[in-house]
Amino acid sequence: MANTTISEIKFKIELDDNKIPEKLSWSAEDGGIVNEEAKAIMLSVWDSKEKQSMRIDLWTKEMPVDEMKIFFHQTLVAMCDTFQRATGDEKMTDTMRDFSDYFAEKLELKR
């Protein structure tokens, strides 16, 4: 029987009276991260029974719109990398990268 390791990633979300995030932090102690502040979180989880993704998208009131645009772009680029590693589909990866470049161009993001 193979040895297994359990690793935890934790999120803390402080909400105001209207349930709007005021403060976000996360910990991944195996990676040396403890209560690191964040302004936004996008998390997707695949439900294989239902064959659908479940998402949690949160951002604080203080998350600037210009930073949110950069966050989205960087997330798109990371998704391209993940898609390529997970599927090996070079053609679609290139298409996704083209869209990511288009997205950055239209938002006038500097790379």
PDB file of N, CA and C in Angstrom:
ATOM      1  N   MET A   1       0.844  -1.183   0.000  1.00  0.00           N
ATOM      2  CA  MET A   1       0.000   0.000   0.000  1.00  0.00           C
ATOM      3  C   MET A   1       0.887   1.243   0.000  1.00  0.00           C
ATOM      4  N   ALA A   2       0.570   2.179  -0.846  1.00  0.00           N
ATOM      5  CA  ALA A   2       1.372   3.393  -0.977  1.00  0.00           C
ATOM      6  C   ALA A   2       1.106   4.360   0.179  1.00  0.00           C
ATOM      7  N   ASN A   3       2.155   5.063   0.564  1.00  0.00           N
ATOM      8  CA  ASN A   3       1.989   6.102   1.580  1.00  0.00           C
ATOM      9  C   ASN A   3       1.300   7.308   0.956  1.00  0.00           C
ATOM     10  N   THR A   4       0.438   7.944   1.714  1.00  0.00           N
ATOM     11  CA  THR A   4      -0.234   9.150   1.231  1.00  0.00           C
ATOM     12  C   THR A   4       0.044  10.297   2.187  1.00  0.00           C
ATOM     13  N   THR A   5      -0.055  11.477   1.662  1.00  0.00           N
ATOM     14  CA  THR A   5       0.110  12.693   2.441  1.00  0.00           C
ATOM     15  C   THR A   5      -1.145  13.526   2.271  1.00  0.00           C
ATOM     16  N   ILE A   6      -1.578  14.122   3.341  1.00  0.00           N
ATOM     17  CA  ILE A   6      -2.724  15.029   3.274  1.00  0.00           C
ATOM     18  C   ILE A   6      -2.201  16.449   3.364  1.00  0.00           C
ATOM     19  N   SER A   7      -2.625  17.263   2.420  1.00  0.00           N
ATOM     20  CA  SER A   7      -2.237  18.662   2.381  1.00  0.00           C
ATOM     21  C   SER A   7      -3.507  19.496   2.387  1.00  0.00           C
ATOM     22  N   GLU A   8      -3.497  20.590   3.114  1.00  0.00           N
ATOM     23  CA  GLU A   8      -4.682  21.444   3.199  1.00  0.00           C
ATOM     24  C   GLU A   8      -4.387  22.851   2.677  1.00  0.00           C
ATOM     25  N   ILE A   9      -5.366  23.385   1.987  1.00  0.00           N
ATOM     26  CA  ILE A   9      -5.364  24.792   1.605  1.00  0.00           C
ATOM     27  C   ILE A   9      -6.619  25.384   2.244  1.00  0.00           C
ATOM     28  N   LYS A  10      -6.432  26.443   3.019  1.00  0.00           N
ATOM     29  CA  LYS A  10      -7.550  27.044   3.753  1.00  0.00           C
ATOM     30  C   LYS A  10      -7.763  28.486   3.313  1.00  0.00           C
ATOM     31  N   PHE A  11      -9.018  28.872   3.241  1.00  0.00           N
ATOM     32  CA  PHE A  11      -9.399  30.246   2.942  1.00  0.00           C
ATOM     33  C   PHE A  11     -10.179  30.805   4.118  1.00  0.00           C
ATOM     34  N   LYS A  12      -9.888  32.048   4.475  1.00  0.00           N
ATOM     35  CA  LYS A  12     -10.672  32.759   5.487  1.00  0.00           C
ATOM     36  C   LYS A  12     -11.294  33.963   4.804  1.00  0.00           C
ATOM     37  N   ILE A  13     -12.594  34.114   4.987  1.00  0.00           N
ATOM     38  CA  ILE A  13     -13.320  35.216   4.380  1.00  0.00           C
ATOM     39  C   ILE A  13     -14.040  35.983   5.473  1.00  0.00           C
ATOM     40  N   GLU A  14     -13.664  37.247   5.640  1.00  0.00           N
ATOM     41  CA  GLU A  14     -14.355  38.115   6.601  1.00  0.00           C
ATOM     42  C   GLU A  14     -15.403  38.905   5.828  1.00  0.00           C
ATOM     43  N   LEU A  15     -16.657  38.809   6.285  1.00  0.00           N
ATOM     44  CA  LEU A  15     -17.784  39.446   5.604  1.00  0.00           C
ATOM     45  C   LEU A  15     -18.326  40.615   6.413  1.00  0.00           C
ATOM     46  N   ASP A  16     -18.882  41.597   5.705  1.00  0.00           N
ATOM     47  CA  ASP A  16     -19.566  42.677   6.406  1.00  0.00           C
ATOM     48  C   ASP A  16     -21.003  42.240   6.718  1.00  0.00           C
ATOM     49  N   ASP A  17     -21.802  43.150   7.238  1.00  0.00           N
ATOM     50  CA  ASP A  17     -23.179  42.817   7.615  1.00  0.00           C
ATOM     51  C   ASP A  17     -24.024  42.382   6.424  1.00  0.00           C
ATOM     52  N   ASN A  18     -23.639  42.807   5.213  1.00  0.00           N
ATOM     53  CA  ASN A  18     -24.373  42.445   3.994  1.00  0.00           C
ATOM     54  C   ASN A  18     -23.772  41.229   3.288  1.00  0.00           C
ATOM     55  N   LYS A  19     -22.879  40.532   3.978  1.00  0.00           N
ATOM     56  CA  LYS A  19     -22.219  39.333   3.449  1.00  0.00           C
ATOM     57  C   LYS A  19     -21.303  39.637   2.257  1.00  0.00           C
ATOM     58  N   ILE A  20     -20.755  40.855   2.203  1.00  0.00           N
ATOM     59  CA  ILE A  20     -19.789  41.255   1.190  1.00  0.00           C
ATOM     60  C   ILE A  20     -18.386  41.047   1.773  1.00  0.00           C
ATOM     61  N   PRO A  21     -17.489  40.385   1.029  1.00  0.00           N
ATOM     62  CA  PRO A  21     -16.143  40.162   1.565  1.00  0.00           C
ATOM     63  C   PRO A  21     -15.401  41.469   1.855  1.00  0.00           C
ATOM     64  N   GLU A  22     -14.887  41.569   3.067  1.00  0.00           N
ATOM     65  CA  GLU A  22     -14.060  42.711   3.450  1.00  0.00           C
ATOM     66  C   GLU A  22     -12.589  42.329   3.478  1.00  0.00           C
ATOM     67  N   LYS A  23     -12.324  41.063   3.835  1.00  0.00           N
ATOM     68  CA  LYS A  23     -10.940  40.611   3.919  1.00  0.00           C
ATOM     69  C   LYS A  23     -10.881  39.140   3.527  1.00  0.00           C
ATOM     70  N   LEU A  24      -9.878  38.813   2.716  1.00  0.00           N
ATOM     71  CA  LEU A  24      -9.643  37.436   2.302  1.00  0.00           C
ATOM     72  C   LEU A  24      -8.215  37.064   2.675  1.00  0.00           C
ATOM     73  N   SER A  25      -8.038  35.848   3.151  1.00  0.00           N
ATOM     74  CA  SER A  25      -6.684  35.352   3.380  1.00  0.00           C
ATOM     75  C   SER A  25      -6.678  33.855   3.130  1.00  0.00           C
ATOM     76  N   TRP A  26      -5.477  33.338   2.892  1.00  0.00           N
ATOM     77  CA  TRP A  26      -5.355  31.918   2.621  1.00  0.00           C
ATOM     78  C   TRP A  26      -4.079  31.375   3.212  1.00  0.00           C
ATOM     79  N   SER A  27      -4.108  30.066   3.475  1.00  0.00           N
ATOM     80  CA  SER A  27      -2.952  29.378   4.026  1.00  0.00           C
ATOM     81  C   SER A  27      -2.750  28.066   3.286  1.00  0.00           C
ATOM     82  N   ALA A  28      -1.504  27.769   3.013  1.00  0.00           N
ATOM     83  CA  ALA A  28      -1.082  26.480   2.464  1.00  0.00           C
ATOM     84  C   ALA A  28       0.233  26.180   3.163  1.00  0.00           C
ATOM     85  N   GLU A  29       0.128  25.674   4.365  1.00  0.00           N
ATOM     86  CA  GLU A  29       1.290  25.539   5.236  1.00  0.00           C
ATOM     87  C   GLU A  29       2.385  24.674   4.632  1.00  0.00           C
ATOM     88  N   ASP A  30       2.023  23.662   3.827  1.00  0.00           N
ATOM     89  CA  ASP A  30       3.040  22.841   3.163  1.00  0.00           C
ATOM     90  C   ASP A  30       3.899  23.678   2.225  1.00  0.00           C
ATOM     91  N   GLY A  31       3.332  24.762   1.722  1.00  0.00           N
ATOM     92  CA  GLY A  31       4.049  25.648   0.820  1.00  0.00           C
ATOM     93  C   GLY A  31       4.620  26.868   1.510  1.00  0.00           C
ATOM     94  N   GLY A  32       4.511  26.912   2.844  1.00  0.00           N
ATOM     95  CA  GLY A  32       5.063  28.028   3.599  1.00  0.00           C
ATOM     96  C   GLY A  32       4.193  29.274   3.592  1.00  0.00           C
ATOM     97  N   ILE A  33       2.913  29.130   3.253  1.00  0.00           N
ATOM     98  CA  ILE A  33       2.011  30.277   3.204  1.00  0.00           C
ATOM     99  C   ILE A  33       1.054  30.189   4.388  1.00  0.00           C
ATOM    100  N   VAL A  34       1.056  31.231   5.220  1.00  0.00           N
ATOM    101  CA  VAL A  34       0.189  31.261   6.396  1.00  0.00           C
ATOM    102  C   VAL A  34      -0.512  32.610   6.447  1.00  0.00           C
ATOM    103  N   ASN A  35      -1.839  32.566   6.375  1.00  0.00           N
ATOM    104  CA  ASN A  35      -2.678  33.765   6.453  1.00  0.00           C
ATOM    105  C   ASN A  35      -2.207  34.884   5.520  1.00  0.00           C
ATOM    106  N   GLU A  36      -1.927  34.524   4.282  1.00  0.00           N
ATOM    107  CA  GLU A  36      -1.520  35.502   3.273  1.00  0.00           C
ATOM    108  C   GLU A  36      -2.755  36.250   2.782  1.00  0.00           C
ATOM    109  N   GLU A  37      -2.678  37.578   2.784  1.00  0.00           N
ATOM    110  CA  GLU A  37      -3.812  38.394   2.348  1.00  0.00           C
ATOM    111  C   GLU A  37      -4.009  38.263   0.843  1.00  0.00           C
ATOM    112  N   ALA A  38      -5.266  38.280   0.433  1.00  0.00           N
ATOM    113  CA  ALA A  38      -5.630  38.275  -0.986  1.00  0.00           C
ATOM    114  C   ALA A  38      -6.759  39.271  -1.187  1.00  0.00           C
ATOM    115  N   LYS A  39      -6.863  39.809  -2.379  1.00  0.00           N
ATOM    116  CA  LYS A  39      -7.964  40.718  -2.706  1.00  0.00           C
ATOM    117  C   LYS A  39      -9.042  40.022  -3.525  1.00  0.00           C
ATOM    118  N   ALA A  40      -8.699  38.859  -4.125  1.00  0.00           N
ATOM    119  CA  ALA A  40      -9.671  38.117  -4.926  1.00  0.00           C
ATOM    120  C   ALA A  40      -9.300  36.640  -4.939  1.00  0.00           C
ATOM    121  N   ILE A  41     -10.337  35.809  -5.096  1.00  0.00           N
ATOM    122  CA  ILE A  41     -10.172  34.358  -5.193  1.00  0.00           C
ATOM    123  C   ILE A  41     -11.119  33.858  -6.276  1.00  0.00           C
ATOM    124  N   MET A  42     -10.591  33.028  -7.171  1.00  0.00           N
ATOM    125  CA  MET A  42     -11.426  32.294  -8.121  1.00  0.00           C
ATOM    126  C   MET A  42     -11.072  30.824  -7.950  1.00  0.00           C
ATOM    127  N   LEU A  43     -12.050  30.034  -7.589  1.00  0.00           N
ATOM    128  CA  LEU A  43     -11.820  28.616  -7.328  1.00  0.00           C
ATOM    129  C   LEU A  43     -12.846  27.807  -8.112  1.00  0.00           C
ATOM    130  N   SER A  44     -12.375  26.823  -8.863  1.00  0.00           N
ATOM    131  CA  SER A  44     -13.258  25.914  -9.592  1.00  0.00           C
ATOM    132  C   SER A  44     -13.024  24.505  -9.103  1.00  0.00           C
ATOM    133  N   VAL A  45     -14.109  23.775  -8.920  1.00  0.00           N
ATOM    134  CA  VAL A  45     -14.054  22.391  -8.481  1.00  0.00           C
ATOM    135  C   VAL A  45     -14.910  21.569  -9.438  1.00  0.00           C
ATOM    136  N   TRP A  46     -14.369  20.441  -9.907  1.00  0.00           N
ATOM    137  CA  TRP A  46     -15.107  19.588 -10.831  1.00  0.00           C
ATOM    138  C   TRP A  46     -15.921  18.559 -10.052  1.00  0.00           C
ATOM    139  N   ASP A  47     -17.237  18.552 -10.288  1.00  0.00           N
ATOM    140  CA  ASP A  47     -18.143  17.564  -9.708  1.00  0.00           C
ATOM    141  C   ASP A  47     -18.324  16.470 -10.752  1.00  0.00           C
ATOM    142  N   SER A  48     -17.626  15.353 -10.578  1.00  0.00           N
ATOM    143  CA  SER A  48     -17.665  14.309 -11.602  1.00  0.00           C
ATOM    144  C   SER A  48     -19.008  13.580 -11.656  1.00  0.00           C
ATOM    145  N   LYS A  49     -19.735  13.573 -10.540  1.00  0.00           N
ATOM    146  CA  LYS A  49     -21.062  12.954 -10.561  1.00  0.00           C
ATOM    147  C   LYS A  49     -22.023  13.749 -11.430  1.00  0.00           C
ATOM    148  N   GLU A  50     -22.022  15.054 -11.246  1.00  0.00           N
ATOM    149  CA  GLU A  50     -22.943  15.929 -11.985  1.00  0.00           C
ATOM    150  C   GLU A  50     -22.373  16.387 -13.322  1.00  0.00           C
ATOM    151  N   LYS A  51     -21.093  16.119 -13.548  1.00  0.00           N
ATOM    152  CA  LYS A  51     -20.401  16.541 -14.777  1.00  0.00           C
ATOM    153  C   LYS A  51     -20.511  18.050 -14.980  1.00  0.00           C
ATOM    154  N   GLN A  52     -20.196  18.772 -13.901  1.00  0.00           N
ATOM    155  CA  GLN A  52     -20.213  20.230 -13.991  1.00  0.00           C
ATOM    156  C   GLN A  52     -19.217  20.828 -13.012  1.00  0.00           C
ATOM    157  N   SER A  53     -18.805  22.036 -13.344  1.00  0.00           N
ATOM    158  CA  SER A  53     -17.888  22.713 -12.433  1.00  0.00           C
ATOM    159  C   SER A  53     -18.682  23.563 -11.455  1.00  0.00           C
ATOM    160  N   MET A  54     -18.131  23.668 -10.269  1.00  0.00           N
ATOM    161  CA  MET A  54     -18.704  24.528  -9.246  1.00  0.00           C
ATOM    162  C   MET A  54     -17.652  25.595  -8.976  1.00  0.00           C
ATOM    163  N   ARG A  55     -18.102  26.825  -8.791  1.00  0.00           N
ATOM    164  CA  ARG A  55     -17.152  27.927  -8.667  1.00  0.00           C
ATOM    165  C   ARG A  55     -17.438  28.754  -7.432  1.00  0.00           C
ATOM    166  N   ILE A  56     -16.349  29.325  -6.941  1.00  0.00           N
ATOM    167  CA  ILE A  56     -16.427  30.353  -5.908  1.00  0.00           C
ATOM    168  C   ILE A  56     -15.598  31.517  -6.421  1.00  0.00           C
ATOM    169  N   ASP A  57     -16.236  32.634  -6.656  1.00  0.00           N
ATOM    170  CA  ASP A  57     -15.564  33.855  -7.096  1.00  0.00           C
ATOM    171  C   ASP A  57     -15.829  34.935  -6.056  1.00  0.00           C
ATOM    172  N   LEU A  58     -14.772  35.375  -5.384  1.00  0.00           N
ATOM    173  CA  LEU A  58     -14.908  36.385  -4.338  1.00  0.00           C
ATOM    174  C   LEU A  58     -13.863  37.469  -4.540  1.00  0.00           C
ATOM    175  N   TRP A  59     -14.232  38.691  -4.216  1.00  0.00           N
ATOM    176  CA  TRP A  59     -13.262  39.781  -4.188  1.00  0.00           C
ATOM    177  C   TRP A  59     -13.707  40.792  -3.151  1.00  0.00           C
ATOM    178  N   THR A  60     -12.731  41.467  -2.592  1.00  0.00           N
ATOM    179  CA  THR A  60     -13.022  42.438  -1.540  1.00  0.00           C
ATOM    180  C   THR A  60     -13.476  43.759  -2.152  1.00  0.00           C
ATOM    181  N   LYS A  61     -14.052  44.583  -1.293  1.00  0.00           N
ATOM    182  CA  LYS A  61     -14.494  45.911  -1.727  1.00  0.00           C
ATOM    183  C   LYS A  61     -13.321  46.757  -2.206  1.00  0.00           C
ATOM    184  N   GLU A  62     -12.133  46.452  -1.678  1.00  0.00           N
ATOM    185  CA  GLU A  62     -10.946  47.243  -2.006  1.00  0.00           C
ATOM    186  C   GLU A  62     -10.221  46.756  -3.259  1.00  0.00           C
ATOM    187  N   MET A  63     -10.712  45.712  -3.906  1.00  0.00           N
ATOM    188  CA  MET A  63     -10.050  45.208  -5.113  1.00  0.00           C
ATOM    189  C   MET A  63     -10.246  46.224  -6.236  1.00  0.00           C
ATOM    190  N   PRO A  64      -9.161  46.878  -6.670  1.00  0.00           N
ATOM    191  CA  PRO A  64      -9.290  47.866  -7.739  1.00  0.00           C
ATOM    192  C   PRO A  64      -9.661  47.209  -9.072  1.00  0.00           C
ATOM    193  N   VAL A  65     -10.464  47.888  -9.847  1.00  0.00           N
ATOM    194  CA  VAL A  65     -10.918  47.353 -11.134  1.00  0.00           C
ATOM    195  C   VAL A  65      -9.728  47.085 -12.058  1.00  0.00           C
ATOM    196  N   ASP A  66      -8.741  47.976 -12.071  1.00  0.00           N
ATOM    197  CA  ASP A  66      -7.590  47.747 -12.954  1.00  0.00           C
ATOM    198  C   ASP A  66      -6.828  46.481 -12.551  1.00  0.00           C
ATOM    199  N   GLU A  67      -6.744  46.202 -11.252  1.00  0.00           N
ATOM    200  CA  GLU A  67      -6.100  44.973 -10.810  1.00  0.00           C
ATOM    201  C   GLU A  67      -6.960  43.749 -11.123  1.00  0.00           C
ATOM    202  N   MET A  68      -8.284  43.905 -11.065  1.00  0.00           N
ATOM    203  CA  MET A  68      -9.182  42.798 -11.408  1.00  0.00           C
ATOM    204  C   MET A  68      -8.995  42.419 -12.876  1.00  0.00           C
ATOM    205  N   LYS A  69      -8.805  43.396 -13.738  1.00  0.00           N
ATOM    206  CA  LYS A  69      -8.567  43.104 -15.157  1.00  0.00           C
ATOM    207  C   LYS A  69      -7.266  42.325 -15.341  1.00  0.00           C
ATOM    208  N   ILE A  70      -6.228  42.711 -14.620  1.00  0.00           N
ATOM    209  CA  ILE A  70      -4.947  41.994 -14.686  1.00  0.00           C
ATOM    210  C   ILE A  70      -5.110  40.587 -14.132  1.00  0.00           C
ATOM    211  N   PHE A  71      -5.829  40.469 -13.016  1.00  0.00           N
ATOM    212  CA  PHE A  71      -6.083  39.166 -12.398  1.00  0.00           C
ATOM    213  C   PHE A  71      -6.786  38.233 -13.381  1.00  0.00           C
ATOM    214  N   PHE A  72      -7.813  38.739 -14.060  1.00  0.00           N
ATOM    215  CA  PHE A  72      -8.525  37.924 -15.047  1.00  0.00           C
ATOM    216  C   PHE A  72      -7.586  37.493 -16.165  1.00  0.00           C
ATOM    217  N   HIS A  73      -6.782  38.427 -16.673  1.00  0.00           N
ATOM    218  CA  HIS A  73      -5.876  38.084 -17.762  1.00  0.00           C
ATOM    219  C   HIS A  73      -4.871  37.016 -17.330  1.00  0.00           C
ATOM    220  N   GLN A  74      -4.273  37.201 -16.168  1.00  0.00           N
ATOM    221  CA  GLN A  74      -3.304  36.218 -15.693  1.00  0.00           C
ATOM    222  C   GLN A  74      -3.959  34.858 -15.459  1.00  0.00           C
ATOM    223  N   THR A  75      -5.216  34.868 -15.027  1.00  0.00           N
ATOM    224  CA  THR A  75      -5.949  33.621 -14.835  1.00  0.00           C
ATOM    225  C   THR A  75      -6.199  32.943 -16.179  1.00  0.00           C
ATOM    226  N   LEU A  76      -6.556  33.716 -17.190  1.00  0.00           N
ATOM    227  CA  LEU A  76      -6.749  33.147 -18.533  1.00  0.00           C
ATOM    228  C   LEU A  76      -5.457  32.506 -19.046  1.00  0.00           C
ATOM    229  N   VAL A  77      -4.342  33.203 -18.871  1.00  0.00           N
ATOM    230  CA  VAL A  77      -3.047  32.674 -19.317  1.00  0.00           C
ATOM    231  C   VAL A  77      -2.720  31.378 -18.565  1.00  0.00           C
ATOM    232  N   ALA A  78      -2.956  31.361 -17.270  1.00  0.00           N
ATOM    233  CA  ALA A  78      -2.700  30.156 -16.473  1.00  0.00           C
ATOM    234  C   ALA A  78      -3.607  29.003 -16.915  1.00  0.00           C
ATOM    235  N   MET A  79      -4.850  29.325 -17.261  1.00  0.00           N
ATOM    236  CA  MET A  79      -5.772  28.292 -17.733  1.00  0.00           C
ATOM    237  C   MET A  79      -5.282  27.694 -19.052  1.00  0.00           C
ATOM    238  N   CYS A  80      -4.683  28.508 -19.902  1.00  0.00           N
ATOM    239  CA  CYS A  80      -4.108  27.999 -21.157  1.00  0.00           C
ATOM    240  C   CYS A  80      -3.020  26.973 -20.845  1.00  0.00           C
ATOM    241  N   ASP A  81      -2.129  27.332 -19.922  1.00  0.00           N
ATOM    242  CA  ASP A  81      -1.042  26.423 -19.538  1.00  0.00           C
ATOM    243  C   ASP A  81      -1.597  25.121 -18.966  1.00  0.00           C
ATOM    244  N   THR A  82      -2.583  25.239 -18.094  1.00  0.00           N
ATOM    245  CA  THR A  82      -3.182  24.061 -17.475  1.00  0.00           C
ATOM    246  C   THR A  82      -3.886  23.197 -18.514  1.00  0.00           C
ATOM    247  N   PHE A  83      -4.616  23.836 -19.420  1.00  0.00           N
ATOM    248  CA  PHE A  83      -5.318  23.098 -20.476  1.00  0.00           C
ATOM    249  C   PHE A  83      -4.320  22.308 -21.321  1.00  0.00           C
ATOM    250  N   GLN A  84      -3.207  22.943 -21.666  1.00  0.00           N
ATOM    251  CA  GLN A  84      -2.192  22.270 -22.474  1.00  0.00           C
ATOM    252  C   GLN A  84      -1.617  21.059 -21.735  1.00  0.00           C
ATOM    253  N   ARG A  85      -1.257  21.237 -20.473  1.00  0.00           N
ATOM    254  CA  ARG A  85      -0.700  20.122 -19.689  1.00  0.00           C
ATOM    255  C   ARG A  85      -1.724  18.997 -19.501  1.00  0.00           C
ATOM    256  N   ALA A  86      -2.995  19.372 -19.297  1.00  0.00           N
ATOM    257  CA  ALA A  86      -4.026  18.379 -18.991  1.00  0.00           C
ATOM    258  C   ALA A  86      -4.504  17.614 -20.222  1.00  0.00           C
ATOM    259  N   THR A  87      -4.508  18.278 -21.390  1.00  0.00           N
ATOM    260  CA  THR A  87      -5.101  17.646 -22.571  1.00  0.00           C
ATOM    261  C   THR A  87      -4.098  17.363 -23.684  1.00  0.00           C
ATOM    262  N   GLY A  88      -3.005  18.109 -23.729  1.00  0.00           N
ATOM    263  CA  GLY A  88      -2.065  17.975 -24.831  1.00  0.00           C
ATOM    264  C   GLY A  88      -2.600  18.527 -26.143  1.00  0.00           C
ATOM    265  N   ASP A  89      -3.724  19.217 -26.113  1.00  0.00           N
ATOM    266  CA  ASP A  89      -4.367  19.756 -27.319  1.00  0.00           C
ATOM    267  C   ASP A  89      -3.708  21.087 -27.694  1.00  0.00           C
ATOM    268  N   GLU A  90      -2.698  21.006 -28.555  1.00  0.00           N
ATOM    269  CA  GLU A  90      -1.929  22.193 -28.951  1.00  0.00           C
ATOM    270  C   GLU A  90      -2.773  23.200 -29.733  1.00  0.00           C
ATOM    271  N   LYS A  91      -3.615  22.698 -30.629  1.00  0.00           N
ATOM    272  CA  LYS A  91      -4.418  23.592 -31.477  1.00  0.00           C
ATOM    273  C   LYS A  91      -5.355  24.459 -30.631  1.00  0.00           C
ATOM    274  N   MET A  92      -6.070  23.849 -29.703  1.00  0.00           N
ATOM    275  CA  MET A  92      -6.988  24.626 -28.871  1.00  0.00           C
ATOM    276  C   MET A  92      -6.225  25.508 -27.898  1.00  0.00           C
ATOM    277  N   THR A  93      -5.085  25.028 -27.409  1.00  0.00           N
ATOM    278  CA  THR A  93      -4.257  25.857 -26.531  1.00  0.00           C
ATOM    279  C   THR A  93      -3.829  27.121 -27.260  1.00  0.00           C
ATOM    280  N   ASP A  94      -3.405  26.980 -28.515  1.00  0.00           N
ATOM    281  CA  ASP A  94      -3.013  28.157 -29.304  1.00  0.00           C
ATOM    282  C   ASP A  94      -4.188  29.109 -29.481  1.00  0.00           C
ATOM    283  N   THR A  95      -5.375  28.569 -29.701  1.00  0.00           N
ATOM    284  CA  THR A  95      -6.578  29.404 -29.840  1.00  0.00           C
ATOM    285  C   THR A  95      -6.865  30.149 -28.543  1.00  0.00           C
ATOM    286  N   MET A  96      -6.726  29.455 -27.435  1.00  0.00           N
ATOM    287  CA  MET A  96      -6.957  30.090 -26.134  1.00  0.00           C
ATOM    288  C   MET A  96      -5.913  31.174 -25.871  1.00  0.00           C
ATOM    289  N   ARG A  97      -4.666  30.917 -26.247  1.00  0.00           N
ATOM    290  CA  ARG A  97      -3.612  31.926 -26.073  1.00  0.00           C
ATOM    291  C   ARG A  97      -3.888  33.160 -26.944  1.00  0.00           C
ATOM    292  N   ASP A  98      -4.377  32.927 -28.158  1.00  0.00           N
ATOM    293  CA  ASP A  98      -4.743  34.053 -29.025  1.00  0.00           C
ATOM    294  C   ASP A  98      -5.814  34.913 -28.363  1.00  0.00           C
ATOM    295  N   PHE A  99      -6.813  34.251 -27.757  1.00  0.00           N
ATOM    296  CA  PHE A  99      -7.855  35.020 -27.074  1.00  0.00           C
ATOM    297  C   PHE A  99      -7.281  35.776 -25.880  1.00  0.00           C
ATOM    298  N   SER A 100      -6.390  35.145 -25.131  1.00  0.00           N
ATOM    299  CA  SER A 100      -5.771  35.819 -23.976  1.00  0.00           C
ATOM    300  C   SER A 100      -5.008  37.059 -24.427  1.00  0.00           C
ATOM    301  N   ASP A 101      -4.292  36.953 -25.541  1.00  0.00           N
ATOM    302  CA  ASP A 101      -3.578  38.111 -26.089  1.00  0.00           C
ATOM    303  C   ASP A 101      -4.563  39.197 -26.520  1.00  0.00           C
ATOM    304  N   TYR A 102      -5.654  38.784 -27.171  1.00  0.00           N
ATOM    305  CA  TYR A 102      -6.696  39.720 -27.603  1.00  0.00           C
ATOM    306  C   TYR A 102      -7.310  40.433 -26.393  1.00  0.00           C
ATOM    307  N   PHE A 103      -7.589  39.679 -25.349  1.00  0.00           N
ATOM    308  CA  PHE A 103      -8.157  40.210 -24.113  1.00  0.00           C
ATOM    309  C   PHE A 103      -7.245  41.297 -23.542  1.00  0.00           C
ATOM    310  N   ALA A 104      -5.941  40.992 -23.459  1.00  0.00           N
ATOM    311  CA  ALA A 104      -4.975  41.951 -22.924  1.00  0.00           C
ATOM    312  C   ALA A 104      -4.885  43.186 -23.810  1.00  0.00           C
ATOM    313  N   GLU A 105      -4.907  42.974 -25.106  1.00  0.00           N
ATOM    314  CA  GLU A 105      -4.830  44.100 -26.050  1.00  0.00           C
ATOM    315  C   GLU A 105      -6.038  45.019 -25.902  1.00  0.00           C
ATOM    316  N   LYS A 106      -7.221  44.454 -25.851  1.00  0.00           N
ATOM    317  CA  LYS A 106      -8.444  45.255 -25.745  1.00  0.00           C
ATOM    318  C   LYS A 106      -8.525  46.001 -24.416  1.00  0.00           C
ATOM    319  N   LEU A 107      -7.970  45.430 -23.367  1.00  0.00           N
ATOM    320  CA  LEU A 107      -7.963  46.103 -22.069  1.00  0.00           C
ATOM    321  C   LEU A 107      -6.742  46.990 -21.893  1.00  0.00           C
ATOM    322  N   GLU A 108      -5.887  46.993 -22.911  1.00  0.00           N
ATOM    323  CA  GLU A 108      -4.658  47.781 -22.902  1.00  0.00           C
ATOM    324  C   GLU A 108      -3.788  47.446 -21.689  1.00  0.00           C
ATOM    325  N   LEU A 109      -3.645  46.143 -21.461  1.00  0.00           N
ATOM    326  CA  LEU A 109      -2.793  45.666 -20.372  1.00  0.00           C
ATOM    327  C   LEU A 109      -1.381  45.534 -20.894  1.00  0.00           C
ATOM    328  N   LYS A 110      -0.440  45.954 -20.102  1.00  0.00           N
ATOM    329  CA  LYS A 110       0.964  45.809 -20.480  1.00  0.00           C
ATOM    330  C   LYS A 110       1.463  44.493 -19.945  1.00  0.00           C
ATOM    331  N   ARG A 111       2.264  43.794 -20.760  1.00  0.00           N
ATOM    332  CA  ARG A 111       2.815  42.496 -20.349  1.00  0.00           C
ATOM    333  C   ARG A 111       4.264  42.619 -20.076  1.00  0.00           C
TER     334      ARG A 111
END
